[in-house]
Protein backbone atom coordinates (compact mmCIF):
# COMPACT_ATOMS: atom_id res chain seq x y z
CA UNK A 1 9.30 20.99 9.66
CA UNK A 2 5.95 20.84 7.94
CA UNK A 3 7.11 23.08 5.21
CA UNK A 4 10.09 20.92 4.46
CA UNK A 5 9.57 19.30 0.99
CA UNK A 6 11.40 16.08 1.96
CA UNK A 7 9.23 15.67 5.03
CA UNK A 8 6.15 16.10 2.85
CA UNK A 9 7.41 13.58 0.38
CA UNK A 10 8.24 11.02 3.00
CA UNK A 11 4.81 11.48 4.68
CA UNK A 12 3.05 11.06 1.40
CA UNK A 13 5.08 7.97 0.56
CA UNK A 14 4.20 6.54 4.01
CA UNK A 15 0.51 7.12 3.41
CA UNK A 16 0.60 5.47 0.03
CA UNK A 17 2.36 2.40 1.50
CA UNK A 18 -0.20 2.24 4.32
CA UNK A 19 -3.10 2.42 1.73
CA UNK A 20 -1.60 -0.38 -0.32
CA UNK A 21 -0.95 -2.43 2.83
CA UNK A 22 -4.55 -2.05 4.02
CA UNK A 23 -5.83 -2.96 0.50
CA UNK A 24 -3.66 -6.06 0.46
CA UNK A 25 -4.86 -7.18 3.87
CA UNK A 26 -8.45 -6.62 2.92
CA UNK A 27 -8.20 -8.54 -0.31
CA UNK A 28 -6.39 -11.31 1.54
CA UNK A 29 -9.05 -11.42 4.26
CA UNK A 30 -11.84 -11.58 1.58
CA UNK A 31 -9.98 -14.19 -0.45
CA UNK A 32 -11.43 -15.48 -3.65
CA UNK A 33 -10.37 -15.11 -7.28
CA UNK A 34 -9.25 -11.52 -6.98
CA UNK A 35 -6.82 -12.36 -4.25
CA UNK A 36 -5.44 -15.35 -6.23
CA UNK A 37 -4.85 -13.24 -9.34
CA UNK A 38 -3.45 -10.09 -7.66
CA UNK A 39 -1.77 -11.09 -4.36
CA UNK A 40 1.76 -10.98 -5.74
CA UNK A 41 1.13 -7.74 -7.60
CA UNK A 42 -0.12 -6.04 -4.54
CA UNK A 43 2.93 -7.21 -2.57
CA UNK A 44 5.25 -5.83 -5.28
CA UNK A 45 3.49 -2.37 -5.03
CA UNK A 46 4.41 -2.25 -1.36
CA UNK A 47 8.12 -2.92 -2.12
């Protein structure tokens, strides 16, 4: 299973989505000008 290329691709994609999600939550929690400018862009990256 770990040598299956599709499994590796899906696992990598999940990790990327998780990283973007955590980045978005952190920027939302911090607030400020960065969040106002980039909130929609970060949400589009997750989709």
